[in-house]
Amino acid sequence: MRFLHNEDLGKLLLRLCVGILILLHGVSKLMDPSSLNGIAHQLSGMGLPSFVAYGVLVGELVGPVMAIVGWQSRIGGLLMAINMIVAIILVHLPQLWTLNAQGGWTLELQGMFLFGALAILFLGSGRMAAKPD
């Protein structure tokens, strides 16, 4: 049962899971610029410069790729975590303390992305990476 004690494999699975799933959101935004325009409009409505919306691409493209390949994965985890915090504040804040019809947290997906990214930040990449932390 010693093969079950493999922290590096666990870190790889976490990096791949969180990184790929967030990356898909970033690719979607890259392919449909109107979604970025909507984010820019929300930010300008809050008094922030609209170009800050391009930070979403950093958090949903650059950060995940860093985590997936294991290069500077702690920084990649930080970028993804910041992205999720901003998304929760901008879009999901009214749902923060609500449950869905099945009794689960309404923000399950966002929470999993946020806490998965924080886990990558604190754990690092492990040995199964382009450049281990």
N, C-alpha and C. Protein backbone atom coordinates (compact mmCIF):
# COMPACT_ATOMS: atom_id res chain seq x y z
N MET A 1 0.81 -1.21 0.00
CA MET A 1 0.00 0.00 0.00
C MET A 1 0.85 1.26 0.00
N ARG A 2 2.16 1.08 -0.04
CA ARG A 2 3.03 2.25 -0.04
C ARG A 2 2.84 3.12 -1.29
N PHE A 3 2.42 2.48 -2.39
CA PHE A 3 2.21 3.23 -3.63
C PHE A 3 1.12 4.28 -3.49
N LEU A 4 0.27 4.15 -2.48
CA LEU A 4 -0.77 5.15 -2.24
C LEU A 4 -0.23 6.42 -1.60
N HIS A 5 0.99 6.38 -1.12
CA HIS A 5 1.62 7.55 -0.49
C HIS A 5 2.53 8.23 -1.50
N ASN A 6 1.93 8.95 -2.42
CA ASN A 6 2.68 9.60 -3.48
C ASN A 6 2.22 11.05 -3.58
N GLU A 7 2.83 11.92 -2.79
CA GLU A 7 2.45 13.33 -2.76
C GLU A 7 2.65 14.01 -4.10
N ASP A 8 3.71 13.63 -4.82
CA ASP A 8 3.97 14.27 -6.10
C ASP A 8 2.90 13.95 -7.13
N LEU A 9 2.40 12.73 -7.13
CA LEU A 9 1.31 12.36 -8.03
C LEU A 9 0.03 13.12 -7.65
N GLY A 10 -0.22 13.25 -6.36
CA GLY A 10 -1.38 14.02 -5.91
C GLY A 10 -1.30 15.48 -6.33
N LYS A 11 -0.11 16.06 -6.24
CA LYS A 11 0.07 17.45 -6.67
C LYS A 11 -0.12 17.58 -8.17
N LEU A 12 0.37 16.59 -8.93
CA LEU A 12 0.19 16.61 -10.38
C LEU A 12 -1.30 16.55 -10.73
N LEU A 13 -2.02 15.63 -10.10
CA LEU A 13 -3.46 15.52 -10.38
C LEU A 13 -4.20 16.81 -10.04
N LEU A 14 -3.86 17.42 -8.92
CA LEU A 14 -4.48 18.69 -8.53
C LEU A 14 -4.18 19.78 -9.55
N ARG A 15 -2.91 19.89 -9.93
CA ARG A 15 -2.51 20.92 -10.91
C ARG A 15 -3.24 20.72 -12.23
N LEU A 16 -3.30 19.47 -12.70
CA LEU A 16 -3.95 19.20 -13.97
C LEU A 16 -5.45 19.46 -13.91
N CYS A 17 -6.09 19.02 -12.86
CA CYS A 17 -7.54 19.18 -12.73
C CYS A 17 -7.92 20.66 -12.66
N VAL A 18 -7.36 21.37 -11.71
CA VAL A 18 -7.71 22.78 -11.54
C VAL A 18 -7.26 23.59 -12.76
N GLY A 19 -6.04 23.34 -13.22
CA GLY A 19 -5.50 24.10 -14.35
C GLY A 19 -6.30 23.92 -15.62
N ILE A 20 -6.61 22.67 -15.98
CA ILE A 20 -7.35 22.42 -17.22
C ILE A 20 -8.75 23.00 -17.15
N LEU A 21 -9.43 22.80 -16.02
CA LEU A 21 -10.81 23.29 -15.92
C LEU A 21 -10.89 24.81 -15.96
N ILE A 22 -9.96 25.50 -15.32
CA ILE A 22 -9.96 26.97 -15.40
C ILE A 22 -9.51 27.43 -16.78
N LEU A 23 -8.54 26.73 -17.36
CA LEU A 23 -8.05 27.08 -18.70
C LEU A 23 -9.18 27.05 -19.73
N LEU A 24 -10.09 26.10 -19.61
CA LEU A 24 -11.21 26.03 -20.54
C LEU A 24 -12.08 27.29 -20.47
N HIS A 25 -12.24 27.86 -19.27
CA HIS A 25 -12.99 29.12 -19.14
C HIS A 25 -12.24 30.25 -19.84
N GLY A 26 -10.92 30.27 -19.70
CA GLY A 26 -10.12 31.31 -20.35
C GLY A 26 -10.16 31.21 -21.86
N VAL A 27 -10.06 29.98 -22.39
CA VAL A 27 -10.12 29.79 -23.84
C VAL A 27 -11.48 30.24 -24.36
N SER A 28 -12.53 29.94 -23.62
CA SER A 28 -13.87 30.38 -24.01
C SER A 28 -13.94 31.90 -24.12
N LYS A 29 -13.36 32.59 -23.16
CA LYS A 29 -13.37 34.06 -23.19
C LYS A 29 -12.51 34.59 -24.33
N LEU A 30 -11.42 33.90 -24.62
CA LEU A 30 -10.55 34.31 -25.71
C LEU A 30 -11.26 34.16 -27.06
N MET A 31 -12.05 33.11 -27.19
CA MET A 31 -12.76 32.84 -28.44
C MET A 31 -14.00 33.73 -28.61
N ASP A 32 -14.53 34.25 -27.51
CA ASP A 32 -15.72 35.11 -27.55
C ASP A 32 -15.42 36.42 -26.84
N PRO A 33 -14.84 37.38 -27.55
CA PRO A 33 -14.45 38.65 -26.93
C PRO A 33 -15.61 39.43 -26.31
N SER A 34 -16.84 39.12 -26.67
CA SER A 34 -17.97 39.84 -26.09
C SER A 34 -18.06 39.59 -24.59
N SER A 35 -17.61 38.42 -24.12
CA SER A 35 -17.64 38.16 -22.69
C SER A 35 -16.64 39.06 -21.96
N LEU A 36 -15.50 39.33 -22.59
CA LEU A 36 -14.55 40.27 -22.00
C LEU A 36 -15.12 41.68 -21.99
N ASN A 37 -15.86 42.03 -23.03
CA ASN A 37 -16.50 43.35 -23.07
C ASN A 37 -17.49 43.50 -21.93
N GLY A 38 -18.22 42.43 -21.62
CA GLY A 38 -19.16 42.47 -20.50
C GLY A 38 -18.45 42.67 -19.17
N ILE A 39 -17.31 42.01 -19.00
CA ILE A 39 -16.53 42.18 -17.78
C ILE A 39 -15.99 43.61 -17.70
N ALA A 40 -15.51 44.13 -18.85
CA ALA A 40 -15.01 45.51 -18.88
C ALA A 40 -16.10 46.49 -18.51
N HIS A 41 -17.31 46.24 -19.00
CA HIS A 41 -18.45 47.12 -18.69
C HIS A 41 -18.77 47.09 -17.19
N GLN A 42 -18.73 45.89 -16.60
CA GLN A 42 -18.97 45.77 -15.15
C GLN A 42 -17.92 46.55 -14.37
N LEU A 43 -16.67 46.40 -14.76
CA LEU A 43 -15.58 47.08 -14.05
C LEU A 43 -15.70 48.59 -14.17
N SER A 44 -16.02 49.08 -15.37
CA SER A 44 -16.15 50.53 -15.54
C SER A 44 -17.34 51.06 -14.75
N GLY A 45 -18.37 50.24 -14.59
CA GLY A 45 -19.52 50.62 -13.77
C GLY A 45 -19.15 50.74 -12.29
N MET A 46 -18.08 50.06 -11.89
CA MET A 46 -17.61 50.13 -10.51
C MET A 46 -16.53 51.20 -10.33
N GLY A 47 -16.27 51.96 -11.41
CA GLY A 47 -15.28 53.02 -11.33
C GLY A 47 -13.85 52.55 -11.61
N LEU A 48 -13.70 51.32 -12.08
CA LEU A 48 -12.38 50.79 -12.39
C LEU A 48 -12.12 50.90 -13.89
N PRO A 49 -10.86 51.01 -14.30
CA PRO A 49 -10.59 51.08 -15.73
C PRO A 49 -10.98 49.77 -16.43
N SER A 50 -11.55 49.88 -17.60
CA SER A 50 -12.05 48.70 -18.30
C SER A 50 -10.94 47.76 -18.75
N PHE A 51 -9.71 48.26 -18.94
CA PHE A 51 -8.62 47.39 -19.38
C PHE A 51 -8.26 46.33 -18.33
N VAL A 52 -8.71 46.53 -17.09
CA VAL A 52 -8.46 45.55 -16.04
C VAL A 52 -9.11 44.21 -16.39
N ALA A 53 -10.12 44.24 -17.26
CA ALA A 53 -10.80 43.01 -17.68
C ALA A 53 -9.82 42.02 -18.32
N TYR A 54 -8.75 42.53 -18.92
CA TYR A 54 -7.78 41.63 -19.54
C TYR A 54 -7.00 40.83 -18.49
N GLY A 55 -7.10 41.24 -17.24
CA GLY A 55 -6.52 40.45 -16.16
C GLY A 55 -7.17 39.08 -16.04
N VAL A 56 -8.41 38.97 -16.52
CA VAL A 56 -9.10 37.68 -16.53
C VAL A 56 -8.32 36.69 -17.38
N LEU A 57 -7.78 37.16 -18.49
CA LEU A 57 -7.01 36.27 -19.36
C LEU A 57 -5.73 35.80 -18.67
N VAL A 58 -5.15 36.65 -17.85
CA VAL A 58 -3.96 36.24 -17.10
C VAL A 58 -4.35 35.16 -16.10
N GLY A 59 -5.45 35.37 -15.39
CA GLY A 59 -5.88 34.42 -14.37
C GLY A 59 -6.47 33.14 -14.92
N GLU A 60 -6.98 33.18 -16.17
CA GLU A 60 -7.63 32.00 -16.73
C GLU A 60 -6.85 31.37 -17.88
N LEU A 61 -5.74 31.97 -18.30
CA LEU A 61 -4.89 31.38 -19.33
C LEU A 61 -3.47 31.17 -18.83
N VAL A 62 -2.84 32.24 -18.40
CA VAL A 62 -1.44 32.17 -17.98
C VAL A 62 -1.28 31.34 -16.70
N GLY A 63 -2.07 31.67 -15.67
CA GLY A 63 -1.98 30.94 -14.40
C GLY A 63 -2.21 29.45 -14.56
N PRO A 64 -3.27 29.03 -15.26
CA PRO A 64 -3.49 27.60 -15.44
C PRO A 64 -2.37 26.89 -16.21
N VAL A 65 -1.85 27.54 -17.26
CA VAL A 65 -0.76 26.91 -18.02
C VAL A 65 0.46 26.74 -17.12
N MET A 66 0.75 27.74 -16.30
CA MET A 66 1.87 27.62 -15.36
C MET A 66 1.67 26.44 -14.42
N ALA A 67 0.45 26.27 -13.93
CA ALA A 67 0.16 25.17 -13.02
C ALA A 67 0.21 23.83 -13.74
N ILE A 68 -0.34 23.76 -14.92
CA ILE A 68 -0.39 22.50 -15.66
C ILE A 68 1.02 21.97 -15.94
N VAL A 69 1.90 22.83 -16.42
CA VAL A 69 3.25 22.36 -16.74
C VAL A 69 4.14 22.29 -15.51
N GLY A 70 3.74 22.93 -14.44
CA GLY A 70 4.52 22.89 -13.21
C GLY A 70 5.67 23.87 -13.19
N TRP A 71 5.60 24.92 -13.97
CA TRP A 71 6.61 25.96 -13.97
C TRP A 71 6.07 27.14 -13.17
N GLN A 72 6.74 27.47 -12.07
CA GLN A 72 6.28 28.56 -11.19
C GLN A 72 4.82 28.34 -10.82
N SER A 73 4.50 27.12 -10.45
CA SER A 73 3.10 26.78 -10.18
C SER A 73 2.53 27.53 -8.99
N ARG A 74 3.36 27.91 -8.04
CA ARG A 74 2.85 28.71 -6.91
C ARG A 74 2.33 30.06 -7.40
N ILE A 75 3.04 30.67 -8.32
CA ILE A 75 2.59 31.95 -8.89
C ILE A 75 1.33 31.71 -9.73
N GLY A 76 1.31 30.61 -10.48
CA GLY A 76 0.11 30.25 -11.24
C GLY A 76 -1.08 30.07 -10.33
N GLY A 77 -0.88 29.40 -9.19
CA GLY A 77 -1.95 29.24 -8.22
C GLY A 77 -2.43 30.57 -7.68
N LEU A 78 -1.49 31.47 -7.42
CA LEU A 78 -1.85 32.81 -6.94
C LEU A 78 -2.68 33.56 -7.98
N LEU A 79 -2.26 33.50 -9.25
CA LEU A 79 -3.01 34.19 -10.31
C LEU A 79 -4.44 33.64 -10.42
N MET A 80 -4.56 32.32 -10.35
CA MET A 80 -5.90 31.72 -10.43
C MET A 80 -6.75 32.09 -9.21
N ALA A 81 -6.15 32.10 -8.02
CA ALA A 81 -6.89 32.45 -6.81
C ALA A 81 -7.37 33.90 -6.86
N ILE A 82 -6.50 34.80 -7.28
CA ILE A 82 -6.90 36.21 -7.40
C ILE A 82 -8.04 36.33 -8.40
N ASN A 83 -7.93 35.64 -9.52
CA ASN A 83 -8.98 35.66 -10.53
C ASN A 83 -10.31 35.21 -9.95
N MET A 84 -10.30 34.14 -9.17
CA MET A 84 -11.54 33.63 -8.60
C MET A 84 -12.11 34.57 -7.54
N ILE A 85 -11.26 35.19 -6.75
CA ILE A 85 -11.74 36.16 -5.75
C ILE A 85 -12.43 37.33 -6.45
N VAL A 86 -11.80 37.83 -7.52
CA VAL A 86 -12.40 38.94 -8.27
C VAL A 86 -13.72 38.50 -8.90
N ALA A 87 -13.76 37.28 -9.46
CA ALA A 87 -15.01 36.79 -10.07
C ALA A 87 -16.11 36.67 -9.03
N ILE A 88 -15.78 36.18 -7.86
CA ILE A 88 -16.79 36.05 -6.81
C ILE A 88 -17.29 37.43 -6.39
N ILE A 89 -16.40 38.39 -6.27
CA ILE A 89 -16.80 39.74 -5.86
C ILE A 89 -17.65 40.41 -6.94
N LEU A 90 -17.22 40.30 -8.20
CA LEU A 90 -17.92 40.99 -9.29
C LEU A 90 -19.25 40.35 -9.65
N VAL A 91 -19.32 39.03 -9.63
CA VAL A 91 -20.48 38.35 -10.19
C VAL A 91 -21.31 37.61 -9.14
N HIS A 92 -20.65 36.97 -8.19
CA HIS A 92 -21.34 36.01 -7.34
C HIS A 92 -21.54 36.43 -5.88
N LEU A 93 -21.20 37.64 -5.54
CA LEU A 93 -21.28 38.07 -4.14
C LEU A 93 -22.67 37.88 -3.54
N PRO A 94 -23.76 38.17 -4.27
CA PRO A 94 -25.08 37.95 -3.67
C PRO A 94 -25.38 36.49 -3.33
N GLN A 95 -24.67 35.56 -3.98
CA GLN A 95 -24.91 34.14 -3.76
C GLN A 95 -23.96 33.54 -2.71
N LEU A 96 -23.12 34.35 -2.12
CA LEU A 96 -22.05 33.83 -1.26
C LEU A 96 -22.57 32.95 -0.13
N TRP A 97 -23.69 33.29 0.46
CA TRP A 97 -24.21 32.54 1.61
C TRP A 97 -25.49 31.79 1.28
N THR A 98 -25.65 31.39 0.01
CA THR A 98 -26.88 30.71 -0.37
C THR A 98 -26.62 29.24 -0.72
N LEU A 99 -27.67 28.45 -0.62
CA LEU A 99 -27.61 27.04 -0.99
C LEU A 99 -28.44 26.82 -2.24
N ASN A 100 -28.07 25.82 -3.03
CA ASN A 100 -28.85 25.51 -4.23
C ASN A 100 -30.00 24.56 -3.88
N ALA A 101 -30.77 24.15 -4.86
CA ALA A 101 -31.97 23.32 -4.63
C ALA A 101 -31.63 21.97 -4.02
N GLN A 102 -30.41 21.48 -4.26
CA GLN A 102 -29.99 20.18 -3.71
C GLN A 102 -29.37 20.31 -2.33
N GLY A 103 -29.29 21.52 -1.80
CA GLY A 103 -28.73 21.74 -0.47
C GLY A 103 -27.25 22.02 -0.46
N GLY A 104 -26.64 22.07 -1.62
CA GLY A 104 -25.21 22.39 -1.71
C GLY A 104 -24.99 23.88 -1.82
N TRP A 105 -23.75 24.29 -1.63
CA TRP A 105 -23.38 25.70 -1.74
C TRP A 105 -23.58 26.15 -3.18
N THR A 106 -24.20 27.28 -3.39
CA THR A 106 -24.45 27.79 -4.73
C THR A 106 -23.14 28.03 -5.48
N LEU A 107 -22.10 28.37 -4.77
CA LEU A 107 -20.81 28.67 -5.40
C LEU A 107 -19.84 27.49 -5.32
N GLU A 108 -20.36 26.27 -5.44
CA GLU A 108 -19.49 25.09 -5.34
C GLU A 108 -18.34 25.13 -6.34
N LEU A 109 -18.66 25.42 -7.60
CA LEU A 109 -17.63 25.42 -8.63
C LEU A 109 -16.59 26.51 -8.37
N GLN A 110 -17.07 27.72 -8.08
CA GLN A 110 -16.14 28.81 -7.82
C GLN A 110 -15.31 28.53 -6.57
N GLY A 111 -15.94 27.96 -5.56
CA GLY A 111 -15.21 27.61 -4.33
C GLY A 111 -14.16 26.55 -4.58
N MET A 112 -14.50 25.54 -5.37
CA MET A 112 -13.53 24.49 -5.68
C MET A 112 -12.36 25.06 -6.47
N PHE A 113 -12.63 25.93 -7.43
CA PHE A 113 -11.54 26.57 -8.17
C PHE A 113 -10.67 27.41 -7.25
N LEU A 114 -11.30 28.21 -6.40
CA LEU A 114 -10.55 29.08 -5.49
C LEU A 114 -9.69 28.27 -4.54
N PHE A 115 -10.27 27.30 -3.86
CA PHE A 115 -9.51 26.55 -2.87
C PHE A 115 -8.52 25.59 -3.51
N GLY A 116 -8.83 25.10 -4.71
CA GLY A 116 -7.86 24.30 -5.45
C GLY A 116 -6.65 25.14 -5.84
N ALA A 117 -6.90 26.37 -6.30
CA ALA A 117 -5.80 27.28 -6.66
C ALA A 117 -4.97 27.62 -5.43
N LEU A 118 -5.63 27.83 -4.29
CA LEU A 118 -4.88 28.10 -3.05
C LEU A 118 -4.04 26.89 -2.64
N ALA A 119 -4.58 25.69 -2.84
CA ALA A 119 -3.81 24.48 -2.53
C ALA A 119 -2.55 24.42 -3.40
N ILE A 120 -2.67 24.74 -4.68
CA ILE A 120 -1.51 24.76 -5.57
C ILE A 120 -0.51 25.81 -5.10
N LEU A 121 -1.02 26.97 -4.70
CA LEU A 121 -0.15 28.03 -4.18
C LEU A 121 0.66 27.53 -2.99
N PHE A 122 0.03 26.86 -2.06
CA PHE A 122 0.71 26.43 -0.84
C PHE A 122 1.52 25.15 -1.01
N LEU A 123 1.10 24.25 -1.91
CA LEU A 123 1.78 22.97 -2.08
C LEU A 123 2.94 23.01 -3.07
N GLY A 124 2.83 23.87 -4.07
CA GLY A 124 3.83 23.87 -5.12
C GLY A 124 3.57 22.76 -6.11
N SER A 125 4.53 22.55 -7.00
CA SER A 125 4.31 21.63 -8.11
C SER A 125 4.66 20.18 -7.81
N GLY A 126 5.56 19.93 -6.88
CA GLY A 126 6.03 18.56 -6.68
C GLY A 126 7.09 18.21 -7.71
N ARG A 127 7.54 16.97 -7.69
CA ARG A 127 8.63 16.55 -8.59
C ARG A 127 8.18 16.28 -10.01
N MET A 128 6.89 16.04 -10.23
CA MET A 128 6.38 15.74 -11.56
C MET A 128 6.00 17.05 -12.26
N ALA A 129 7.02 17.83 -12.59
CA ALA A 129 6.79 19.15 -13.14
C ALA A 129 7.94 19.54 -14.05
N ALA A 130 7.69 20.55 -14.89
CA ALA A 130 8.75 21.04 -15.77
C ALA A 130 9.92 21.55 -14.95
N LYS A 131 9.62 22.26 -13.89
CA LYS A 131 10.66 22.76 -12.98
C LYS A 131 10.09 22.69 -11.58
N PRO A 132 10.38 21.64 -10.83
CA PRO A 132 9.79 21.47 -9.49
C PRO A 132 10.07 22.66 -8.59
N ASP A 133 9.06 22.99 -7.76
CA ASP A 133 9.21 24.07 -6.76
C ASP A 133 10.09 23.58 -5.63
